[in-house]
Amino acid sequence: MYRNKFIQAIHDLRKVKLSFFSKEDGRVVERTCAPMDFGPSRRAKNKADRYHLWDYDSDTKQHVLSLLPGQVQNIEVLESSFKPSEFVTWATDWVVPRNWGTYS
């Protein structure tokens, strides 16, 4: 439902305000995130497409969110931008093609 808006935010390097059902918290939470990718999970047993985001508001060391579409309640594209260098520290293999220079 939010896929196109999410992918456009990837291309525009725009942060998003994400509302999603947190299984850990048992309720809907809101986070400011950088959209990283949309596609199958490489780690989960369920390989279904997911929204992959960098969570700026995380209170834990793990800052990556990988959410199934059914968990997402809303995605609002913000005016503020992000830099991939803020969080990309690995060799990338994105599903969604993008022009992020050395982080593509």
C-alpha atoms as a PDB file:
ATOM      1  CA  MET A   1       0.000   0.000   0.000  1.00  0.00           C
ATOM      2  CA  TYR A   2       2.870   2.389   0.791  1.00  0.00           C
ATOM      3  CA  ARG A   3       5.419   0.757  -1.494  1.00  0.00           C
ATOM      4  CA  ASN A   4       5.586   3.471  -4.193  1.00  0.00           C
ATOM      5  CA  LYS A   5       5.831   6.295  -1.648  1.00  0.00           C
ATOM      6  CA  PHE A   6       8.541   4.369   0.205  1.00  0.00           C
ATOM      7  CA  ILE A   7      10.591   3.713  -2.944  1.00  0.00           C
ATOM      8  CA  GLN A   8      10.321   7.371  -3.969  1.00  0.00           C
ATOM      9  CA  ALA A   9      11.665   8.347  -0.525  1.00  0.00           C
ATOM     10  CA  ILE A  10      14.656   6.040  -1.164  1.00  0.00           C
ATOM     11  CA  HIS A  11      15.384   7.867  -4.435  1.00  0.00           C
ATOM     12  CA  ASP A  12      14.824  11.318  -2.907  1.00  0.00           C
ATOM     13  CA  LEU A  13      16.926  10.523   0.203  1.00  0.00           C
ATOM     14  CA  ARG A  14      14.018  11.611   2.426  1.00  0.00           C
ATOM     15  CA  LYS A  15      13.411  10.442   5.970  1.00  0.00           C
ATOM     16  CA  VAL A  16      10.011   8.974   6.787  1.00  0.00           C
ATOM     17  CA  LYS A  17       7.803   8.943   9.841  1.00  0.00           C
ATOM     18  CA  LEU A  18       6.767   5.330  10.223  1.00  0.00           C
ATOM     19  CA  SER A  19       3.854   3.985  12.272  1.00  0.00           C
ATOM     20  CA  PHE A  20       3.898   0.215  12.659  1.00  0.00           C
ATOM     21  CA  PHE A  21       2.698  -2.582  14.881  1.00  0.00           C
ATOM     22  CA  SER A  22       5.623  -3.607  17.062  1.00  0.00           C
ATOM     23  CA  LYS A  23       5.432  -7.273  18.009  1.00  0.00           C
ATOM     24  CA  GLU A  24       7.999  -6.588  20.742  1.00  0.00           C
ATOM     25  CA  ASP A  25       5.949  -3.761  22.303  1.00  0.00           C
ATOM     26  CA  GLY A  26       2.526  -5.232  21.497  1.00  0.00           C
ATOM     27  CA  ARG A  27       1.263  -1.895  20.168  1.00  0.00           C
ATOM     28  CA  VAL A  28       1.611   0.624  17.349  1.00  0.00           C
ATOM     29  CA  VAL A  29       4.771   2.736  17.634  1.00  0.00           C
ATOM     30  CA  GLU A  30       6.080   5.662  15.609  1.00  0.00           C
ATOM     31  CA  ARG A  31       9.687   6.077  14.491  1.00  0.00           C
ATOM     32  CA  THR A  32      11.731   8.444  12.337  1.00  0.00           C
ATOM     33  CA  CYS A  33      13.578   6.310   9.784  1.00  0.00           C
ATOM     34  CA  ALA A  34      15.615   6.287   6.610  1.00  0.00           C
ATOM     35  CA  PRO A  35      14.118   3.976   3.983  1.00  0.00           C
ATOM     36  CA  MET A  36      16.795   1.501   2.914  1.00  0.00           C
ATOM     37  CA  ASP A  37      15.166  -1.096   0.674  1.00  0.00           C
ATOM     38  CA  PHE A  38      12.004  -2.988  -0.223  1.00  0.00           C
ATOM     39  CA  GLY A  39      12.300  -6.674  -0.931  1.00  0.00           C
ATOM     40  CA  PRO A  40      12.725 -10.115   0.597  1.00  0.00           C
ATOM     41  CA  SER A  41      14.459 -10.600   3.907  1.00  0.00           C
ATOM     42  CA  ARG A  42      17.829 -12.278   3.713  1.00  0.00           C
ATOM     43  CA  ARG A  43      17.748 -13.269   7.391  1.00  0.00           C
ATOM     44  CA  ALA A  44      14.168 -14.254   8.220  1.00  0.00           C
ATOM     45  CA  LYS A  45      12.744 -17.680   7.465  1.00  0.00           C
ATOM     46  CA  ASN A  46       9.797 -15.963   5.770  1.00  0.00           C
ATOM     47  CA  LYS A  47      11.339 -14.507   2.582  1.00  0.00           C
ATOM     48  CA  ALA A  48       8.314 -12.279   1.814  1.00  0.00           C
ATOM     49  CA  ASP A  49       8.957  -8.695   0.712  1.00  0.00           C
ATOM     50  CA  ARG A  50       9.476  -6.253   3.558  1.00  0.00           C
ATOM     51  CA  TYR A  51      10.170  -2.618   4.226  1.00  0.00           C
ATOM     52  CA  HIS A  52      13.787  -2.281   5.409  1.00  0.00           C
ATOM     53  CA  LEU A  53      14.570   0.897   7.336  1.00  0.00           C
ATOM     54  CA  TRP A  54      17.231   2.502   9.497  1.00  0.00           C
ATOM     55  CA  ASP A  55      15.579   3.503  12.784  1.00  0.00           C
ATOM     56  CA  TYR A  56      16.973   6.774  14.142  1.00  0.00           C
ATOM     57  CA  ASP A  57      14.807   6.516  17.282  1.00  0.00           C
ATOM     58  CA  SER A  58      15.859   3.010  18.335  1.00  0.00           C
ATOM     59  CA  ASP A  59      16.705   2.565  21.991  1.00  0.00           C
ATOM     60  CA  THR A  60      18.771  -0.546  21.270  1.00  0.00           C
ATOM     61  CA  LYS A  61      22.022  -1.192  19.450  1.00  0.00           C
ATOM     62  CA  GLN A  62      20.165  -2.777  16.498  1.00  0.00           C
ATOM     63  CA  HIS A  63      18.883   0.060  14.326  1.00  0.00           C
ATOM     64  CA  VAL A  64      17.510  -1.883  11.343  1.00  0.00           C
ATOM     65  CA  LEU A  65      13.772  -2.523  11.041  1.00  0.00           C
ATOM     66  CA  SER A  66      12.473  -5.114   8.578  1.00  0.00           C
ATOM     67  CA  LEU A  67       8.686  -5.023   8.527  1.00  0.00           C
ATOM     68  CA  LEU A  68       6.105  -7.007   6.646  1.00  0.00           C
ATOM     69  CA  PRO A  69       3.587  -4.787   4.828  1.00  0.00           C
ATOM     70  CA  GLY A  70       0.829  -5.869   7.225  1.00  0.00           C
ATOM     71  CA  GLN A  71       2.719  -4.377  10.180  1.00  0.00           C
ATOM     72  CA  VAL A  72       2.930  -0.902   8.594  1.00  0.00           C
ATOM     73  CA  GLN A  73       0.135   1.445   9.653  1.00  0.00           C
ATOM     74  CA  ASN A  74       1.377   4.607   7.915  1.00  0.00           C
ATOM     75  CA  ILE A  75       4.389   6.082   6.130  1.00  0.00           C
ATOM     76  CA  GLU A  76       4.731   9.856   5.927  1.00  0.00           C
ATOM     77  CA  VAL A  77       7.587  11.264   3.832  1.00  0.00           C
ATOM     78  CA  LEU A  78       9.322  14.071   5.716  1.00  0.00           C
ATOM     79  CA  GLU A  79      11.044  17.185   4.412  1.00  0.00           C
ATOM     80  CA  SER A  80      14.293  16.228   6.142  1.00  0.00           C
ATOM     81  CA  SER A  81      16.837  14.241   4.204  1.00  0.00           C
ATOM     82  CA  PHE A  82      19.346  11.569   5.167  1.00  0.00           C
ATOM     83  CA  LYS A  83      22.807  10.582   4.002  1.00  0.00           C
ATOM     84  CA  PRO A  84      23.473   6.884   3.343  1.00  0.00           C
ATOM     85  CA  SER A  85      26.899   7.383   4.967  1.00  0.00           C
ATOM     86  CA  GLU A  86      25.075   7.822   8.301  1.00  0.00           C
ATOM     87  CA  PHE A  87      24.366   4.099   8.471  1.00  0.00           C
ATOM     88  CA  VAL A  88      25.643   2.078   5.491  1.00  0.00           C
ATOM     89  CA  THR A  89      28.785   0.303   6.661  1.00  0.00           C
ATOM     90  CA  TRP A  90      28.476  -2.930   4.671  1.00  0.00           C
ATOM     91  CA  ALA A  91      28.807  -4.050   1.055  1.00  0.00           C
ATOM     92  CA  THR A  92      25.363  -3.366  -0.366  1.00  0.00           C
ATOM     93  CA  ASP A  93      23.218  -5.573  -2.561  1.00  0.00           C
ATOM     94  CA  TRP A  94      19.993  -3.547  -2.733  1.00  0.00           C
ATOM     95  CA  VAL A  95      16.835  -4.918  -4.332  1.00  0.00           C
ATOM     96  CA  VAL A  96      15.614  -1.451  -5.364  1.00  0.00           C
ATOM     97  CA  PRO A  97      18.113   0.163  -7.773  1.00  0.00           C
ATOM     98  CA  ARG A  98      19.189   3.645  -6.692  1.00  0.00           C
ATOM     99  CA  ASN A  99      21.787   6.323  -7.293  1.00  0.00           C
ATOM    100  CA  TRP A 100      23.488   6.622  -3.897  1.00  0.00           C
ATOM    101  CA  GLY A 101      27.000   6.836  -5.321  1.00  0.00           C
ATOM    102  CA  THR A 102      29.387   4.484  -3.510  1.00  0.00           C
ATOM    103  CA  TYR A 103      26.448   3.291  -1.347  1.00  0.00           C
ATOM    104  CA  SER A 104      24.389   2.110  -4.334  1.00  0.00           C
END
